[in-house]
Amino acid sequence: MMQVMIRTALIFLIAFMLPVSRGMTADSLTKLEHCRLVPTEWADGDSFQIKTSDGREHTLRLYGADCIEWHVSDDSVARRLREQRRYFGIAEIGGNAAASIEQAKGFGKAAAERVAVLLQQAFTVATAFADARGDGRYQRVYGFVTLADGRDLAAVLVGEGLARAFGVYRENPDGRTSAEYREALRDLELQAAKRSAGIWAKTNWEKLPVERGQQRAEDADLRLASGKAETMKNLELDPNTAARDDLLKLPGVGEMMAKRIIEGRPYKKLDDLLKVPGIGTKTLEKFKPYLKIEK
């Protein structure tokens, strides 16, 4: 009888422990409670330094929200700032490009300052420690931030018009799928635009379609040029670890496709990339000479 009771207890113990083991896999979210913001000069609204309750520091990149760049250090960031200005329809505010750039940077700074206020109290981070490098120089990880009052930080920024619903998405801590989370943020963006909140207060609605059209045309030119670039000869990327800016070097890959590739990680074999929306057999064949999955 005692042996039966012991075996039964062991079965229940194993069953209880299994979810914990699954929770430690690379693809699942780890919850980091009682986190604090670490003030830095380079932080912006969607990327910042945090310290966990055990003293570890991480550079976090928010899922789903994209704030305007205000630390423009190279041509890549400058192009991103131009694309963001066109997205919000503010590429000509102030009467010229210089004035538009300064006002746009001001919105980027405002987002960073707003985040600093929102994160004054301890907050919770959920992350799978997925690589979120943009230019390959900084080690960032994607994550969700739940504020002390229970709100999602990305949702707050988008809802206040300080960010657009744009970026990498995945299943979030409350169980919504990546698609559901994306659509929820897009709905908040639509509401912010209707209220003329934040950046949307400066939007030139008459010129917005033209500005976005210009951006699409330039993206198409860049994709065409990158398909013939000399630098492609020695390009070899691991789709599981490549930075966004490196993925943009692939023939035909733009900002959105690069983000979809990042969202679809991890890949066990190159053919798994066929699961990424927009990548078919012909597209994958164009990629394969430049891709290799490291063991």
Protein backbone atom coordinates (compact mmCIF):
# COMPACT_ATOMS: atom_id res chain seq x y z
CA MET A 1 0.00 0.00 0.00
CA MET A 2 2.82 2.39 0.90
CA GLN A 3 4.58 1.67 -2.41
CA VAL A 4 1.39 2.44 -4.35
CA MET A 5 1.02 5.74 -2.50
CA ILE A 6 4.64 6.66 -3.23
CA ARG A 7 4.28 5.85 -6.93
CA THR A 8 1.07 7.90 -7.11
CA ALA A 9 2.75 10.84 -5.43
CA LEU A 10 5.66 10.66 -7.87
CA ILE A 11 3.29 10.66 -10.85
CA PHE A 12 1.54 13.79 -9.58
CA LEU A 13 4.90 15.44 -8.88
CA ILE A 14 6.17 14.74 -12.40
CA ALA A 15 2.91 15.99 -13.94
CA PHE A 16 3.22 19.17 -11.88
CA MET A 17 6.84 19.77 -12.94
CA LEU A 18 6.42 19.16 -16.69
CA PRO A 19 4.88 22.56 -17.50
CA VAL A 20 7.80 24.22 -15.73
CA SER A 21 10.25 22.38 -17.94
CA ARG A 22 8.32 23.37 -21.05
CA GLY A 23 8.33 26.94 -19.79
CA MET A 24 12.10 27.02 -20.02
CA THR A 25 12.22 26.36 -23.75
CA ALA A 26 13.70 29.05 -25.97
CA ASP A 27 10.40 29.77 -27.68
CA SER A 28 8.31 30.35 -24.54
CA LEU A 29 8.02 33.54 -22.54
CA THR A 30 9.87 34.00 -19.27
CA LYS A 31 8.29 36.41 -16.80
CA LEU A 32 10.65 38.86 -15.08
CA GLU A 33 8.86 40.63 -12.26
CA HIS A 34 9.82 43.76 -10.28
CA CYS A 35 11.98 45.17 -13.08
CA ARG A 36 13.36 48.70 -13.07
CA LEU A 37 14.32 51.11 -15.84
CA VAL A 38 18.03 51.90 -16.15
CA PRO A 39 18.44 55.50 -17.37
CA THR A 40 20.67 55.77 -20.47
CA GLU A 41 21.41 58.51 -23.00
CA TRP A 42 20.55 56.31 -25.98
CA ALA A 43 17.13 55.01 -24.88
CA ASP A 44 14.03 55.73 -26.92
CA GLY A 45 10.39 54.80 -26.58
CA ASP A 46 10.66 51.24 -27.85
CA SER A 47 14.22 50.32 -26.76
CA PHE A 48 15.69 50.79 -23.31
CA GLN A 49 17.79 49.22 -20.57
CA ILE A 50 16.16 47.32 -17.72
CA LYS A 51 17.39 45.72 -14.50
CA THR A 52 15.71 42.60 -13.10
CA SER A 53 15.06 41.95 -9.44
CA ASP A 54 18.22 39.82 -9.24
CA GLY A 55 20.40 42.63 -10.61
CA ARG A 56 20.78 41.45 -14.20
CA GLU A 57 20.53 44.01 -17.00
CA HIS A 58 19.00 43.57 -20.44
CA THR A 59 18.44 45.86 -23.40
CA LEU A 60 14.78 45.46 -24.29
CA ARG A 61 13.01 46.06 -27.61
CA LEU A 62 9.21 46.20 -27.41
CA TYR A 63 7.09 43.88 -29.49
CA GLY A 64 4.57 45.59 -31.76
CA ALA A 65 5.38 49.29 -31.26
CA ASP A 66 7.73 51.52 -33.23
CA CYS A 67 8.59 54.98 -31.92
CA ILE A 68 10.21 57.65 -34.08
CA GLU A 69 14.01 57.66 -34.13
CA TRP A 70 15.66 60.61 -32.44
CA HIS A 71 19.25 59.37 -32.14
CA VAL A 72 20.28 59.40 -35.81
CA SER A 73 23.81 58.01 -35.95
CA ASP A 74 24.10 56.59 -39.48
CA ASP A 75 22.46 56.40 -42.90
CA SER A 76 20.39 53.35 -41.96
CA VAL A 77 18.74 55.14 -39.03
CA ALA A 78 18.30 58.28 -41.16
CA ARG A 79 16.41 56.25 -43.78
CA ARG A 80 14.26 54.75 -41.05
CA LEU A 81 13.46 58.22 -39.71
CA ARG A 82 12.42 59.33 -43.20
CA GLU A 83 10.21 56.26 -43.56
CA GLN A 84 8.58 56.98 -40.18
CA ARG A 85 7.94 60.61 -41.12
CA ARG A 86 6.23 59.48 -44.31
CA TYR A 87 4.18 56.86 -42.48
CA PHE A 88 2.72 59.52 -40.16
CA GLY A 89 2.35 62.03 -43.00
CA ILE A 90 4.69 64.58 -41.42
CA ALA A 91 7.52 64.62 -43.98
CA GLU A 92 6.83 68.26 -44.83
CA ILE A 93 5.72 69.80 -41.54
CA GLY A 94 7.47 73.07 -40.85
CA GLY A 95 7.79 73.86 -44.54
CA ASN A 96 11.04 72.04 -45.27
CA ALA A 97 12.88 68.78 -44.60
CA ALA A 98 15.10 70.20 -41.85
CA ALA A 99 12.11 71.47 -39.86
CA SER A 100 10.26 68.18 -40.37
CA ILE A 101 13.23 66.17 -39.13
CA GLU A 102 13.60 68.26 -35.99
CA GLN A 103 9.91 68.03 -35.14
CA ALA A 104 9.94 64.27 -35.78
CA LYS A 105 12.94 63.83 -33.49
CA GLY A 106 11.02 65.82 -30.91
CA PHE A 107 8.25 63.20 -31.01
CA GLY A 108 10.87 60.49 -30.58
CA LYS A 109 12.24 62.25 -27.53
CA ALA A 110 8.71 62.74 -26.16
CA ALA A 111 8.10 58.98 -26.44
CA ALA A 112 11.31 58.24 -24.53
CA GLU A 113 10.36 60.71 -21.81
CA ARG A 114 6.86 59.25 -21.57
CA VAL A 115 8.30 55.75 -21.14
CA ALA A 116 10.60 57.03 -18.39
CA VAL A 117 7.53 58.30 -16.53
CA LEU A 118 5.49 55.14 -17.09
CA LEU A 119 8.35 52.95 -15.85
CA GLN A 120 9.02 54.86 -12.63
CA GLN A 121 7.27 52.08 -10.75
CA ALA A 122 8.41 48.45 -10.94
CA PHE A 123 7.08 46.62 -13.99
CA THR A 124 6.93 43.11 -15.42
CA VAL A 125 8.73 41.93 -18.55
CA ALA A 126 7.81 38.83 -20.56
CA THR A 127 10.52 37.72 -22.96
CA ALA A 128 11.74 34.67 -24.85
CA PHE A 129 15.16 36.38 -25.18
CA ALA A 130 14.75 36.46 -28.96
CA ASP A 131 17.50 38.47 -30.65
CA ALA A 132 16.26 41.97 -31.49
CA ARG A 133 19.37 43.51 -32.95
CA GLY A 134 18.68 46.19 -35.53
CA ASP A 135 22.09 47.13 -36.85
CA GLY A 136 24.00 44.18 -35.41
CA ARG A 137 26.06 46.24 -32.97
CA TYR A 138 23.84 45.97 -29.89
CA GLN A 139 22.52 42.91 -28.10
CA ARG A 140 18.80 43.50 -27.64
CA VAL A 141 15.99 41.10 -26.82
CA TYR A 142 12.33 41.41 -27.72
CA GLY A 143 9.85 41.64 -24.87
CA PHE A 144 6.47 42.73 -23.58
CA VAL A 145 6.20 45.20 -20.69
CA THR A 146 3.26 45.18 -18.30
CA LEU A 147 3.06 48.38 -16.28
CA ALA A 148 2.40 48.54 -12.54
CA ASP A 149 -1.26 49.33 -13.29
CA GLY A 150 -1.59 46.27 -15.58
CA ARG A 151 -1.52 48.07 -18.94
CA ASP A 152 0.62 46.94 -21.87
CA LEU A 153 3.34 49.53 -22.61
CA ALA A 154 3.20 49.11 -26.39
CA ALA A 155 -0.57 49.58 -26.32
CA VAL A 156 -0.20 52.77 -24.26
CA LEU A 157 2.37 54.26 -26.66
CA VAL A 158 0.32 53.43 -29.75
CA GLY A 159 -2.89 54.64 -28.11
CA GLU A 160 -1.30 57.97 -27.19
CA GLY A 161 -0.04 58.49 -30.73
CA LEU A 162 3.63 58.23 -29.74
CA ALA A 163 4.25 55.05 -31.72
CA ARG A 164 2.85 53.16 -34.67
CA ALA A 165 1.63 49.56 -34.57
CA PHE A 166 4.61 48.20 -36.42
CA GLY A 167 7.35 45.69 -35.74
CA VAL A 168 7.73 42.10 -34.66
CA TYR A 169 4.77 40.32 -33.06
CA ARG A 170 4.25 37.04 -31.25
CA GLU A 171 1.81 35.41 -28.84
CA ASN A 172 1.61 37.74 -25.88
CA PRO A 173 1.43 37.03 -22.11
CA ASP A 174 -2.37 37.06 -21.94
CA GLY A 175 -2.62 34.34 -24.59
CA ARG A 176 -3.55 36.39 -27.65
CA THR A 177 -1.94 35.18 -30.87
CA SER A 178 0.51 37.37 -32.73
CA ALA A 179 -2.22 38.20 -35.28
CA GLU A 180 -4.72 39.15 -32.56
CA TYR A 181 -2.15 41.32 -30.79
CA ARG A 182 -1.20 43.01 -34.08
CA GLU A 183 -4.83 43.82 -34.91
CA ALA A 184 -5.50 45.12 -31.40
CA LEU A 185 -2.59 47.54 -31.69
CA ARG A 186 -3.71 48.61 -35.17
CA ASP A 187 -7.16 49.39 -33.78
CA LEU A 188 -5.55 51.56 -31.11
CA GLU A 189 -3.51 53.31 -33.80
CA LEU A 190 -6.67 54.04 -35.78
CA GLN A 191 -8.32 55.53 -32.69
CA ALA A 192 -5.23 57.65 -31.96
CA ALA A 193 -5.24 58.97 -35.51
CA LYS A 194 -8.96 59.84 -35.28
CA ARG A 195 -8.33 61.78 -32.03
CA SER A 196 -5.26 63.52 -33.53
CA ALA A 197 -3.27 62.21 -30.57
CA GLY A 198 0.48 62.71 -30.35
CA ILE A 199 2.21 62.62 -33.74
CA TRP A 200 -1.13 62.35 -35.57
CA ALA A 201 -1.88 65.95 -34.60
CA LYS A 202 0.69 67.04 -37.20
CA THR A 203 -0.39 64.67 -39.98
CA ASN A 204 -1.06 66.21 -43.38
CA TRP A 205 -3.90 63.94 -44.43
CA GLU A 206 -3.97 65.34 -47.96
CA LYS A 207 -0.33 64.44 -48.58
CA LEU A 208 -0.13 61.23 -46.54
CA PRO A 209 -1.02 58.92 -49.49
CA VAL A 210 1.64 60.62 -51.63
CA GLU A 211 4.30 60.35 -48.93
CA ARG A 212 3.59 56.68 -48.31
CA GLY A 213 3.57 56.07 -52.06
CA GLN A 214 7.01 57.64 -52.33
CA GLN A 215 8.27 55.34 -49.61
CA ARG A 216 6.89 52.25 -51.34
CA ALA A 217 8.53 53.28 -54.59
CA GLU A 218 11.89 53.80 -52.89
CA ASP A 219 11.59 50.46 -51.08
CA ALA A 220 10.99 48.77 -54.42
CA ASP A 221 14.06 50.48 -55.90
CA LEU A 222 16.20 49.38 -52.97
CA ARG A 223 14.98 45.80 -53.24
CA LEU A 224 15.77 45.80 -56.95
CA ALA A 225 19.22 47.24 -56.33
CA SER A 226 20.00 44.85 -53.49
CA GLY A 227 19.25 41.90 -55.73
CA LYS A 228 22.19 42.89 -57.95
CA ALA A 229 24.51 44.22 -55.27
CA GLU A 230 28.14 43.17 -55.38
CA THR A 231 28.09 42.55 -51.62
CA MET A 232 25.69 39.63 -52.14
CA LYS A 233 28.54 37.44 -53.38
CA ASN A 234 29.88 36.61 -49.91
CA LEU A 235 26.64 36.94 -47.98
CA GLU A 236 25.79 34.01 -45.68
CA LEU A 237 23.14 34.46 -43.01
CA ASP A 238 21.56 32.24 -40.39
CA PRO A 239 17.82 33.07 -40.47
CA ASN A 240 17.62 32.23 -36.76
CA THR A 241 20.14 34.84 -35.65
CA ALA A 242 20.60 37.40 -38.44
CA ALA A 243 19.96 41.03 -37.53
CA ARG A 244 17.12 42.85 -39.26
CA ASP A 245 19.50 45.04 -41.27
CA ASP A 246 21.33 41.93 -42.49
CA LEU A 247 18.07 40.28 -43.58
CA LEU A 248 17.32 43.40 -45.61
CA LYS A 249 20.30 42.50 -47.80
CA LEU A 250 18.48 39.44 -49.12
CA PRO A 251 17.03 39.89 -52.63
CA GLY A 252 13.50 41.22 -52.48
CA VAL A 253 13.38 41.58 -48.68
CA GLY A 254 11.97 44.80 -47.25
CA GLU A 255 11.32 45.94 -43.69
CA MET A 256 8.07 43.99 -43.34
CA MET A 257 9.46 40.74 -44.73
CA ALA A 258 12.51 40.97 -42.45
CA LYS A 259 10.21 41.33 -39.45
CA ARG A 260 8.11 38.36 -40.56
CA ILE A 261 11.26 36.22 -40.81
CA ILE A 262 12.21 37.24 -37.27
CA GLU A 263 8.69 36.49 -36.02
CA GLY A 264 8.83 32.98 -37.51
CA ARG A 265 11.94 31.87 -35.62
CA PRO A 266 13.24 29.31 -34.88
CA TYR A 267 13.77 27.40 -38.14
CA LYS A 268 15.08 23.82 -38.10
CA LYS A 269 15.67 23.76 -41.87
CA LEU A 270 15.58 26.33 -44.66
CA ASP A 271 12.33 24.95 -46.05
CA ASP A 272 10.64 26.04 -42.82
CA LEU A 273 10.84 29.57 -44.20
CA LEU A 274 7.97 28.62 -46.50
CA LYS A 275 5.72 29.12 -43.46
CA VAL A 276 6.54 32.84 -43.49
CA PRO A 277 3.76 34.84 -45.23
CA GLY A 278 5.03 36.11 -48.55
CA ILE A 279 7.76 33.49 -49.01
CA GLY A 280 6.96 30.93 -51.66
CA THR A 281 9.05 28.28 -53.37
CA LYS A 282 10.54 30.67 -55.94
CA THR A 283 11.39 33.29 -53.34
CA LEU A 284 13.03 30.72 -51.09
CA GLU A 285 15.18 29.50 -53.97
CA LYS A 286 16.47 33.07 -54.36
CA PHE A 287 17.32 33.15 -50.64
CA LYS A 288 19.00 29.77 -50.31
CA PRO A 289 22.42 30.74 -51.76
CA TYR A 290 22.74 33.29 -48.96
CA LEU A 291 21.32 31.28 -46.04
CA LYS A 292 22.72 28.61 -43.77
CA ILE A 293 21.28 27.30 -40.50
CA GLU A 294 24.04 26.77 -37.96
CA LYS A 295 23.75 23.71 -35.79
